[in-house]
PDB file of N, CA and C in Angstrom:
ATOM      1  N   MET A   1       8.444  21.544  20.415  1.00  0.00           N
ATOM      2  CA  MET A   1       8.999  20.197  20.331  1.00  0.00           C
ATOM      3  C   MET A   1       9.033  19.804  18.852  1.00  0.00           C
ATOM      4  N   SER A   2      10.111  19.230  18.414  1.00  0.00           N
ATOM      5  CA  SER A   2      10.209  18.847  17.014  1.00  0.00           C
ATOM      6  C   SER A   2       9.830  17.389  16.827  1.00  0.00           C
ATOM      7  N   SER A   3       9.488  17.086  15.618  1.00  0.00           N
ATOM      8  CA  SER A   3       9.040  15.739  15.286  1.00  0.00           C
ATOM      9  C   SER A   3      10.225  14.830  14.975  1.00  0.00           C
ATOM     10  N   ASN A   4       9.987  13.525  15.072  1.00  0.00           N
ATOM     11  CA  ASN A   4      10.961  12.532  14.647  1.00  0.00           C
ATOM     12  C   ASN A   4      11.013  12.611  13.127  1.00  0.00           C
ATOM     13  N   PRO A   5      12.156  12.935  12.516  1.00  0.00           N
ATOM     14  CA  PRO A   5      12.206  13.119  11.066  1.00  0.00           C
ATOM     15  C   PRO A   5      11.909  11.851  10.276  1.00  0.00           C
ATOM     16  N   LEU A   6      12.005  10.687  10.890  1.00  0.00           N
ATOM     17  CA  LEU A   6      11.730   9.444  10.172  1.00  0.00           C
ATOM     18  C   LEU A   6      10.287   8.978  10.322  1.00  0.00           C
ATOM     19  N   PHE A   7       9.453   9.736  11.049  1.00  0.00           N
ATOM     20  CA  PHE A   7       8.083   9.318  11.287  1.00  0.00           C
ATOM     21  C   PHE A   7       7.305   9.220   9.973  1.00  0.00           C
ATOM     22  N   GLN A   8       6.524   8.128   9.851  1.00  0.00           N
ATOM     23  CA  GLN A   8       5.645   7.957   8.697  1.00  0.00           C
ATOM     24  C   GLN A   8       4.454   7.117   9.108  1.00  0.00           C
ATOM     25  N   MET A   9       3.253   7.579   8.719  1.00  0.00           N
ATOM     26  CA  MET A   9       2.017   6.836   8.986  1.00  0.00           C
ATOM     27  C   MET A   9       1.014   7.135   7.892  1.00  0.00           C
ATOM     28  N   THR A  10       0.435   6.090   7.320  1.00  0.00           N
ATOM     29  CA  THR A  10      -0.638   6.247   6.355  1.00  0.00           C
ATOM     30  C   THR A  10      -1.966   6.242   7.116  1.00  0.00           C
ATOM     31  N   ILE A  11      -2.819   7.194   6.812  1.00  0.00           N
ATOM     32  CA  ILE A  11      -4.087   7.345   7.528  1.00  0.00           C
ATOM     33  C   ILE A  11      -5.094   6.321   7.030  1.00  0.00           C
ATOM     34  N   GLU A  12      -5.658   5.570   7.975  1.00  0.00           N
ATOM     35  CA  GLU A  12      -6.643   4.545   7.648  1.00  0.00           C
ATOM     36  C   GLU A  12      -8.076   5.015   7.847  1.00  0.00           C
ATOM     37  N   ASP A  13      -8.304   5.904   8.817  1.00  0.00           N
ATOM     38  CA  ASP A  13      -9.656   6.398   9.075  1.00  0.00           C
ATOM     39  C   ASP A  13      -9.592   7.777   9.700  1.00  0.00           C
ATOM     40  N   VAL A  14     -10.684   8.534   9.562  1.00  0.00           N
ATOM     41  CA  VAL A  14     -10.751   9.904  10.060  1.00  0.00           C
ATOM     42  C   VAL A  14     -12.053  10.087  10.829  1.00  0.00           C
ATOM     43  N   PHE A  15     -11.968  10.701  12.010  1.00  0.00           N
ATOM     44  CA  PHE A  15     -13.147  10.976  12.830  1.00  0.00           C
ATOM     45  C   PHE A  15     -13.106  12.429  13.288  1.00  0.00           C
ATOM     46  N   SER A  16     -14.233  13.121  13.180  1.00  0.00           N
ATOM     47  CA  SER A  16     -14.344  14.480  13.721  1.00  0.00           C
ATOM     48  C   SER A  16     -15.086  14.400  15.038  1.00  0.00           C
ATOM     49  N   ILE A  17     -14.502  14.988  16.082  1.00  0.00           N
ATOM     50  CA  ILE A  17     -15.110  14.969  17.404  1.00  0.00           C
ATOM     51  C   ILE A  17     -15.407  16.415  17.789  1.00  0.00           C
ATOM     52  N   ARG A  18     -16.693  16.738  17.874  1.00  0.00           N
ATOM     53  CA  ARG A  18     -17.102  18.098  18.173  1.00  0.00           C
ATOM     54  C   ARG A  18     -16.512  18.544  19.513  1.00  0.00           C
ATOM     55  N   GLY A  19     -15.909  19.710  19.508  1.00  0.00           N
ATOM     56  CA  GLY A  19     -15.317  20.250  20.719  1.00  0.00           C
ATOM     57  C   GLY A  19     -13.907  19.765  21.013  1.00  0.00           C
ATOM     58  N   ARG A  20     -13.439  18.755  20.287  1.00  0.00           N
ATOM     59  CA  ARG A  20     -12.094  18.206  20.515  1.00  0.00           C
ATOM     60  C   ARG A  20     -11.178  18.427  19.320  1.00  0.00           C
ATOM     61  N   GLY A  21     -11.648  18.063  18.122  1.00  0.00           N
ATOM     62  CA  GLY A  21     -10.831  18.195  16.923  1.00  0.00           C
ATOM     63  C   GLY A  21     -11.034  17.006  16.005  1.00  0.00           C
ATOM     64  N   THR A  22     -10.012  16.665  15.265  1.00  0.00           N
ATOM     65  CA  THR A  22     -10.065  15.565  14.304  1.00  0.00           C
ATOM     66  C   THR A  22      -9.077  14.489  14.708  1.00  0.00           C
ATOM     67  N   VAL A  23      -9.549  13.247  14.718  1.00  0.00           N
ATOM     68  CA  VAL A  23      -8.703  12.100  15.051  1.00  0.00           C
ATOM     69  C   VAL A  23      -8.453  11.297  13.785  1.00  0.00           C
ATOM     70  N   VAL A  24      -7.189  10.995  13.527  1.00  0.00           N
ATOM     71  CA  VAL A  24      -6.835  10.098  12.427  1.00  0.00           C
ATOM     72  C   VAL A  24      -6.263   8.824  13.040  1.00  0.00           C
ATOM     73  N   THR A  25      -6.561   7.689  12.421  1.00  0.00           N
ATOM     74  CA  THR A  25      -6.053   6.419  12.923  1.00  0.00           C
ATOM     75  C   THR A  25      -5.194   5.745  11.863  1.00  0.00           C
ATOM     76  N   GLY A  26      -4.291   4.894  12.329  1.00  0.00           N
ATOM     77  CA  GLY A  26      -3.442   4.139  11.428  1.00  0.00           C
ATOM     78  C   GLY A  26      -2.322   3.467  12.206  1.00  0.00           C
ATOM     79  N   THR A  27      -1.536   2.685  11.489  1.00  0.00           N
ATOM     80  CA  THR A  27      -0.390   2.008  12.078  1.00  0.00           C
ATOM     81  C   THR A  27       0.866   2.795  11.732  1.00  0.00           C
ATOM     82  N   ILE A  28       1.658   3.102  12.742  1.00  0.00           N
ATOM     83  CA  ILE A  28       2.904   3.838  12.508  1.00  0.00           C
ATOM     84  C   ILE A  28       3.862   2.915  11.761  1.00  0.00           C
ATOM     85  N   GLU A  29       4.321   3.364  10.608  1.00  0.00           N
ATOM     86  CA  GLU A  29       5.183   2.548   9.759  1.00  0.00           C
ATOM     87  C   GLU A  29       6.660   2.665  10.135  1.00  0.00           C
ATOM     88  N   ARG A  30       7.060   3.867  10.548  1.00  0.00           N
ATOM     89  CA  ARG A  30       8.451   4.059  11.000  1.00  0.00           C
ATOM     90  C   ARG A  30       8.519   5.287  11.892  1.00  0.00           C
ATOM     91  N   GLY A  31       9.509   5.271  12.775  1.00  0.00           N
ATOM     92  CA  GLY A  31       9.702   6.392  13.687  1.00  0.00           C
ATOM     93  C   GLY A  31       8.779   6.338  14.887  1.00  0.00           C
ATOM     94  N   SER A  32       8.622   7.476  15.531  1.00  0.00           N
ATOM     95  CA  SER A  32       7.747   7.576  16.701  1.00  0.00           C
ATOM     96  C   SER A  32       7.099   8.950  16.709  1.00  0.00           C
ATOM     97  N   VAL A  33       6.038   9.068  17.504  1.00  0.00           N
ATOM     98  CA  VAL A  33       5.321  10.339  17.621  1.00  0.00           C
ATOM     99  C   VAL A  33       4.977  10.555  19.082  1.00  0.00           C
ATOM    100  N   ARG A  34       4.965  11.812  19.491  1.00  0.00           N
ATOM    101  CA  ARG A  34       4.590  12.146  20.871  1.00  0.00           C
ATOM    102  C   ARG A  34       3.763  13.424  20.855  1.00  0.00           C
ATOM    103  N   VAL A  35       3.066  13.657  21.943  1.00  0.00           N
ATOM    104  CA  VAL A  35       2.230  14.842  22.072  1.00  0.00           C
ATOM    105  C   VAL A  35       3.104  16.087  21.907  1.00  0.00           C
ATOM    106  N   GLY A  36       2.636  17.028  21.093  1.00  0.00           N
ATOM    107  CA  GLY A  36       3.371  18.264  20.843  1.00  0.00           C
ATOM    108  C   GLY A  36       4.211  18.241  19.585  1.00  0.00           C
ATOM    109  N   ASP A  37       4.417  17.066  18.985  1.00  0.00           N
ATOM    110  CA  ASP A  37       5.201  16.987  17.749  1.00  0.00           C
ATOM    111  C   ASP A  37       4.518  17.750  16.622  1.00  0.00           C
ATOM    112  N   VAL A  38       5.337  18.312  15.751  1.00  0.00           N
ATOM    113  CA  VAL A  38       4.845  18.964  14.544  1.00  0.00           C
ATOM    114  C   VAL A  38       5.107  18.001  13.389  1.00  0.00           C
ATOM    115  N   LEU A  39       4.041  17.641  12.674  1.00  0.00           N
ATOM    116  CA  LEU A  39       4.137  16.711  11.548  1.00  0.00           C
ATOM    117  C   LEU A  39       3.654  17.396  10.284  1.00  0.00           C
ATOM    118  N   GLU A  40       3.933  16.785   9.159  1.00  0.00           N
ATOM    119  CA  GLU A  40       3.408  17.280   7.898  1.00  0.00           C
ATOM    120  C   GLU A  40       2.342  16.324   7.412  1.00  0.00           C
ATOM    121  N   LEU A  41       1.181  16.871   7.075  1.00  0.00           N
ATOM    122  CA  LEU A  41       0.078  16.102   6.510  1.00  0.00           C
ATOM    123  C   LEU A  41       0.162  16.237   4.999  1.00  0.00           C
ATOM    124  N   ARG A  42       0.396  15.124   4.325  1.00  0.00           N
ATOM    125  CA  ARG A  42       0.485  15.112   2.858  1.00  0.00           C
ATOM    126  C   ARG A  42      -0.685  14.314   2.309  1.00  0.00           C
ATOM    127  N   GLY A  43      -1.344  14.888   1.326  1.00  0.00           N
ATOM    128  CA  GLY A  43      -2.475  14.139   0.795  1.00  0.00           C
ATOM    129  C   GLY A  43      -3.097  14.759  -0.421  1.00  0.00           C
ATOM    130  N   THR A  44      -4.413  14.718  -0.442  1.00  0.00           N
ATOM    131  CA  THR A  44      -5.194  15.145  -1.587  1.00  0.00           C
ATOM    132  C   THR A  44      -4.942  16.610  -1.925  1.00  0.00           C
ATOM    133  N   TYR A  45      -4.844  17.450  -0.909  1.00  0.00           N
ATOM    134  CA  TYR A  45      -4.601  18.874  -1.111  1.00  0.00           C
ATOM    135  C   TYR A  45      -3.145  19.184  -0.796  1.00  0.00           C
ATOM    136  N   ASP A  46      -2.819  20.451  -0.687  1.00  0.00           N
ATOM    137  CA  ASP A  46      -1.450  20.850  -0.372  1.00  0.00           C
ATOM    138  C   ASP A  46      -1.008  20.270   0.966  1.00  0.00           C
ATOM    139  N   ALA A  47       0.282  20.063   1.097  1.00  0.00           N
ATOM    140  CA  ALA A  47       0.851  19.601   2.375  1.00  0.00           C
ATOM    141  C   ALA A  47       0.760  20.738   3.380  1.00  0.00           C
ATOM    142  N   ARG A  48       0.527  20.386   4.640  1.00  0.00           N
ATOM    143  CA  ARG A  48       0.463  21.391   5.695  1.00  0.00           C
ATOM    144  C   ARG A  48       0.987  20.826   6.997  1.00  0.00           C
ATOM    145  N   GLU A  49       1.462  21.721   7.837  1.00  0.00           N
ATOM    146  CA  GLU A  49       1.973  21.312   9.140  1.00  0.00           C
ATOM    147  C   GLU A  49       0.829  21.226  10.135  1.00  0.00           C
ATOM    148  N   VAL A  50       0.886  20.201  10.988  1.00  0.00           N
ATOM    149  CA  VAL A  50      -0.121  19.995  12.032  1.00  0.00           C
ATOM    150  C   VAL A  50       0.583  19.659  13.336  1.00  0.00           C
ATOM    151  N   VAL A  51      -0.057  20.010  14.453  1.00  0.00           N
ATOM    152  CA  VAL A  51       0.512  19.759  15.776  1.00  0.00           C
ATOM    153  C   VAL A  51      -0.286  18.652  16.457  1.00  0.00           C
ATOM    154  N   VAL A  52       0.409  17.656  16.990  1.00  0.00           N
ATOM    155  CA  VAL A  52      -0.228  16.534  17.670  1.00  0.00           C
ATOM    156  C   VAL A  52      -0.733  17.000  19.042  1.00  0.00           C
ATOM    157  N   SER A  53      -2.053  16.903  19.260  1.00  0.00           N
ATOM    158  CA  SER A  53      -2.650  17.312  20.533  1.00  0.00           C
ATOM    159  C   SER A  53      -2.751  16.148  21.516  1.00  0.00           C
ATOM    160  N   ALA A  54      -2.951  14.930  20.987  1.00  0.00           N
ATOM    161  CA  ALA A  54      -3.052  13.746  21.844  1.00  0.00           C
ATOM    162  C   ALA A  54      -2.748  12.510  21.017  1.00  0.00           C
ATOM    163  N   VAL A  55      -2.255  11.477  21.686  1.00  0.00           N
ATOM    164  CA  VAL A  55      -1.990  10.182  21.064  1.00  0.00           C
ATOM    165  C   VAL A  55      -2.684   9.131  21.914  1.00  0.00           C
ATOM    166  N   GLU A  56      -3.453   8.246  21.266  1.00  0.00           N
ATOM    167  CA  GLU A  56      -4.122   7.159  21.983  1.00  0.00           C
ATOM    168  C   GLU A  56      -3.759   5.824  21.363  1.00  0.00           C
ATOM    169  N   ARG A  57      -3.557   4.847  22.233  1.00  0.00           N
ATOM    170  CA  ARG A  57      -3.285   3.482  21.802  1.00  0.00           C
ATOM    171  C   ARG A  57      -4.209   2.583  22.608  1.00  0.00           C
ATOM    172  N   PHE A  58      -5.051   1.825  21.923  1.00  0.00           N
ATOM    173  CA  PHE A  58      -6.037   0.959  22.583  1.00  0.00           C
ATOM    174  C   PHE A  58      -6.903   1.739  23.569  1.00  0.00           C
ATOM    175  N   ARG A  59      -7.392   2.908  23.115  1.00  0.00           N
ATOM    176  CA  ARG A  59      -8.299   3.779  23.878  1.00  0.00           C
ATOM    177  C   ARG A  59      -7.702   4.325  25.170  1.00  0.00           C
ATOM    178  N   LYS A  60      -6.388   4.362  25.254  1.00  0.00           N
ATOM    179  CA  LYS A  60      -5.711   4.939  26.412  1.00  0.00           C
ATOM    180  C   LYS A  60      -4.746   6.009  25.927  1.00  0.00           C
ATOM    181  N   LYS A  61      -4.774   7.157  26.572  1.00  0.00           N
ATOM    182  CA  LYS A  61      -3.857   8.225  26.200  1.00  0.00           C
ATOM    183  C   LYS A  61      -2.436   7.840  26.580  1.00  0.00           C
ATOM    184  N   VAL A  62      -1.517   8.071  25.650  1.00  0.00           N
ATOM    185  CA  VAL A  62      -0.102   7.805  25.882  1.00  0.00           C
ATOM    186  C   VAL A  62       0.693   9.037  25.456  1.00  0.00           C
ATOM    187  N   GLU A  63       1.878   9.186  25.983  1.00  0.00           N
ATOM    188  CA  GLU A  63       2.730  10.315  25.617  1.00  0.00           C
ATOM    189  C   GLU A  63       3.486  10.062  24.313  1.00  0.00           C
ATOM    190  N   GLN A  64       3.751   8.771  24.014  1.00  0.00           N
ATOM    191  CA  GLN A  64       4.538   8.442  22.834  1.00  0.00           C
ATOM    192  C   GLN A  64       4.087   7.107  22.271  1.00  0.00           C
ATOM    193  N   ALA A  65       4.176   6.968  20.945  1.00  0.00           N
ATOM    194  CA  ALA A  65       3.905   5.698  20.272  1.00  0.00           C
ATOM    195  C   ALA A  65       4.988   5.501  19.212  1.00  0.00           C
ATOM    196  N   SER A  66       5.299   4.237  18.927  1.00  0.00           N
ATOM    197  CA  SER A  66       6.405   3.914  18.020  1.00  0.00           C
ATOM    198  C   SER A  66       5.947   3.022  16.872  1.00  0.00           C
ATOM    199  N   ALA A  67       6.877   2.753  15.961  1.00  0.00           N
ATOM    200  CA  ALA A  67       6.600   1.930  14.784  1.00  0.00           C
ATOM    201  C   ALA A  67       5.928   0.623  15.176  1.00  0.00           C
ATOM    202  N   GLY A  68       4.881   0.258  14.437  1.00  0.00           N
ATOM    203  CA  GLY A  68       4.134  -0.966  14.693  1.00  0.00           C
ATOM    204  C   GLY A  68       2.896  -0.753  15.539  1.00  0.00           C
ATOM    205  N   ASP A  69       2.794   0.390  16.219  1.00  0.00           N
ATOM    206  CA  ASP A  69       1.621   0.669  17.060  1.00  0.00           C
ATOM    207  C   ASP A  69       0.462   1.179  16.212  1.00  0.00           C
ATOM    208  N   PHE A  70      -0.748   0.665  16.489  1.00  0.00           N
ATOM    209  CA  PHE A  70      -1.971   1.201  15.882  1.00  0.00           C
ATOM    210  C   PHE A  70      -2.452   2.304  16.809  1.00  0.00           C
ATOM    211  N   VAL A  71      -2.551   3.531  16.287  1.00  0.00           N
ATOM    212  CA  VAL A  71      -2.840   4.686  17.143  1.00  0.00           C
ATOM    213  C   VAL A  71      -3.936   5.570  16.567  1.00  0.00           C
ATOM    214  N   GLY A  72      -4.473   6.392  17.451  1.00  0.00           N
ATOM    215  CA  GLY A  72      -5.325   7.503  17.076  1.00  0.00           C
ATOM    216  C   GLY A  72      -4.587   8.767  17.447  1.00  0.00           C
ATOM    217  N   ILE A  73      -4.498   9.713  16.522  1.00  0.00           N
ATOM    218  CA  ILE A  73      -3.786  10.967  16.768  1.00  0.00           C
ATOM    219  C   ILE A  73      -4.779  12.109  16.616  1.00  0.00           C
ATOM    220  N   LEU A  74      -4.875  12.950  17.647  1.00  0.00           N
ATOM    221  CA  LEU A  74      -5.806  14.071  17.662  1.00  0.00           C
ATOM    222  C   LEU A  74      -5.103  15.342  17.212  1.00  0.00           C
ATOM    223  N   PHE A  75      -5.772  16.064  16.298  1.00  0.00           N
ATOM    224  CA  PHE A  75      -5.309  17.370  15.831  1.00  0.00           C
ATOM    225  C   PHE A  75      -6.430  18.372  16.055  1.00  0.00           C
ATOM    226  N   LYS A  76      -6.089  19.538  16.593  1.00  0.00           N
ATOM    227  CA  LYS A  76      -7.097  20.569  16.804  1.00  0.00           C
ATOM    228  C   LYS A  76      -7.165  21.551  15.647  1.00  0.00           C
ATOM    229  N   ASP A  77      -6.133  21.611  14.831  1.00  0.00           N
ATOM    230  CA  ASP A  77      -6.057  22.637  13.797  1.00  0.00           C
ATOM    231  C   ASP A  77      -6.493  22.182  12.404  1.00  0.00           C
ATOM    232  N   ILE A  78      -7.131  21.023  12.285  1.00  0.00           N
ATOM    233  CA  ILE A  78      -7.670  20.582  11.000  1.00  0.00           C
ATOM    234  C   ILE A  78      -9.089  20.071  11.188  1.00  0.00           C
ATOM    235  N   THR A  79      -9.842  20.023  10.092  1.00  0.00           N
ATOM    236  CA  THR A  79     -11.202  19.487  10.135  1.00  0.00           C
ATOM    237  C   THR A  79     -11.231  18.159   9.395  1.00  0.00           C
ATOM    238  N   GLY A  80     -12.336  17.444   9.508  1.00  0.00           N
ATOM    239  CA  GLY A  80     -12.483  16.167   8.832  1.00  0.00           C
ATOM    240  C   GLY A  80     -12.455  16.289   7.320  1.00  0.00           C
ATOM    241  N   GLU A  81     -12.723  17.502   6.804  1.00  0.00           N
ATOM    242  CA  GLU A  81     -12.683  17.721   5.352  1.00  0.00           C
ATOM    243  C   GLU A  81     -11.272  17.991   4.835  1.00  0.00           C
ATOM    244  N   ASP A  82     -10.313  18.181   5.747  1.00  0.00           N
ATOM    245  CA  ASP A  82      -8.927  18.474   5.354  1.00  0.00           C
ATOM    246  C   ASP A  82      -8.086  17.218   5.170  1.00  0.00           C
ATOM    247  N   VAL A  83      -8.581  16.080   5.642  1.00  0.00           N
ATOM    248  CA  VAL A  83      -7.766  14.863   5.642  1.00  0.00           C
ATOM    249  C   VAL A  83      -8.626  13.676   5.204  1.00  0.00           C
ATOM    250  N   PHE A  84      -8.024  12.753   4.473  1.00  0.00           N
ATOM    251  CA  PHE A  84      -8.743  11.610   3.919  1.00  0.00           C
ATOM    252  C   PHE A  84      -7.958  10.317   4.124  1.00  0.00           C
ATOM    253  N   ARG A  85      -8.665   9.209   4.053  1.00  0.00           N
ATOM    254  CA  ARG A  85      -8.018   7.896   4.091  1.00  0.00           C
ATOM    255  C   ARG A  85      -6.985   7.832   2.973  1.00  0.00           C
ATOM    256  N   GLY A  86      -5.793   7.342   3.299  1.00  0.00           N
ATOM    257  CA  GLY A  86      -4.724   7.250   2.316  1.00  0.00           C
ATOM    258  C   GLY A  86      -3.732   8.392   2.374  1.00  0.00           C
ATOM    259  N   ASP A  87      -4.105   9.511   3.018  1.00  0.00           N
ATOM    260  CA  ASP A  87      -3.146  10.607   3.215  1.00  0.00           C
ATOM    261  C   ASP A  87      -2.036  10.121   4.138  1.00  0.00           C
ATOM    262  N   GLU A  88      -0.920  10.845   4.130  1.00  0.00           N
ATOM    263  CA  GLU A  88       0.211  10.435   4.966  1.00  0.00           C
ATOM    264  C   GLU A  88       0.598  11.519   5.951  1.00  0.00           C
ATOM    265  N   LEU A  89       1.024  11.081   7.126  1.00  0.00           N
ATOM    266  CA  LEU A  89       1.654  11.954   8.106  1.00  0.00           C
ATOM    267  C   LEU A  89       3.137  11.609   8.098  1.00  0.00           C
ATOM    268  N   VAL A  90       3.978  12.627   7.966  1.00  0.00           N
ATOM    269  CA  VAL A  90       5.418  12.386   7.938  1.00  0.00           C
ATOM    270  C   VAL A  90       6.132  13.393   8.826  1.00  0.00           C
ATOM    271  N   GLY A  91       7.340  13.043   9.241  1.00  0.00           N
ATOM    272  CA  GLY A  91       8.178  13.962   9.995  1.00  0.00           C
ATOM    273  C   GLY A  91       8.574  15.136   9.124  1.00  0.00           C
ATOM    274  N   ILE A  92       8.823  16.265   9.730  1.00  0.00           N
ATOM    275  CA  ILE A  92       9.102  17.504   9.008  1.00  0.00           C
ATOM    276  C   ILE A  92      10.333  17.413   8.105  1.00  0.00           C
ATOM    277  N   MET A  93      11.377  16.721   8.497  1.00  0.00           N
ATOM    278  CA  MET A  93      12.585  16.638   7.671  1.00  0.00           C
ATOM    279  C   MET A  93      12.299  16.049   6.298  1.00  0.00           C
ATOM    280  N   TRP A  94      11.310  15.162   6.214  1.00  0.00           N
ATOM    281  CA  TRP A  94      10.974  14.588   4.912  1.00  0.00           C
ATOM    282  C   TRP A  94      10.484  15.661   3.966  1.00  0.00           C
ATOM    283  N   SER A  95       9.861  16.693   4.500  1.00  0.00           N
ATOM    284  CA  SER A  95       9.352  17.759   3.651  1.00  0.00           C
ATOM    285  C   SER A  95      10.479  18.606   3.080  1.00  0.00           C
ATOM    286  N   LEU A  96      11.675  18.494   3.640  1.00  0.00           N
ATOM    287  CA  LEU A  96      12.823  19.261   3.159  1.00  0.00           C
ATOM    288  C   LEU A  96      13.657  18.461   2.160  1.00  0.00           C
ATOM    289  N   GLY A  97      13.119  17.368   1.654  1.00  0.00           N
ATOM    290  CA  GLY A  97      13.838  16.573   0.677  1.00  0.00           C
ATOM    291  C   GLY A  97      14.804  15.588   1.298  1.00  0.00           C
ATOM    292  N   GLU A  98      14.664  15.300   2.584  1.00  0.00           N
ATOM    293  CA  GLU A  98      15.588  14.416   3.278  1.00  0.00           C
ATOM    294  C   GLU A  98      15.122  12.958   3.269  1.00  0.00           C
ATOM    295  N   SER A  99      14.051  12.652   2.551  1.00  0.00           N
ATOM    296  CA  SER A  99      13.522  11.299   2.526  1.00  0.00           C
ATOM    297  C   SER A  99      14.509  10.321   1.909  1.00  0.00           C
ATOM    298  N   PRO A 100      14.683   9.149   2.511  1.00  0.00           N
ATOM    299  CA  PRO A 100      15.579   8.163   1.905  1.00  0.00           C
ATOM    300  C   PRO A 100      15.034   7.640   0.580  1.00  0.00           C
ATOM    301  N   PHE A 101      13.751   7.876   0.318  1.00  0.00           N
ATOM    302  CA  PHE A 101      13.149   7.392  -0.924  1.00  0.00           C
ATOM    303  C   PHE A 101      13.372   8.334  -2.094  1.00  0.00           C
ATOM    304  N   THR A 102      13.830   9.561  -1.830  1.00  0.00           N
ATOM    305  CA  THR A 102      14.038  10.521  -2.907  1.00  0.00           C
ATOM    306  C   THR A 102      15.504  10.661  -3.292  1.00  0.00           C
ATOM    307  N   ARG A 103      16.341   9.852  -2.722  1.00  0.00           N
ATOM    308  CA  ARG A 103      17.772   9.951  -3.029  1.00  0.00           C
ATOM    309  C   ARG A 103      18.136   9.125  -4.222  1.00  0.00           C
TER     310      ARG A 103
END
């Protein structure tokens, strides 16, 4: 499943859950996200692709969340040391230079 290319979220907090993975929280600034989407994590270290394992809104699992929603997003393929407050999650197309901010 591909990601919404306009998706953008700045990470506000990071939690590591033993046996589950890493949860990042924040408000979706644009676009939408759903379980299975591939996003790019941009931040302190090199950018890397991550797969969304779960999305929660108000402590309830949901299949999709959209701009304006405060969410928790679970990733199984990263650790709490790989992501920090202030890092960004973006849709994959932005990584290809398709960002409206780089034109």
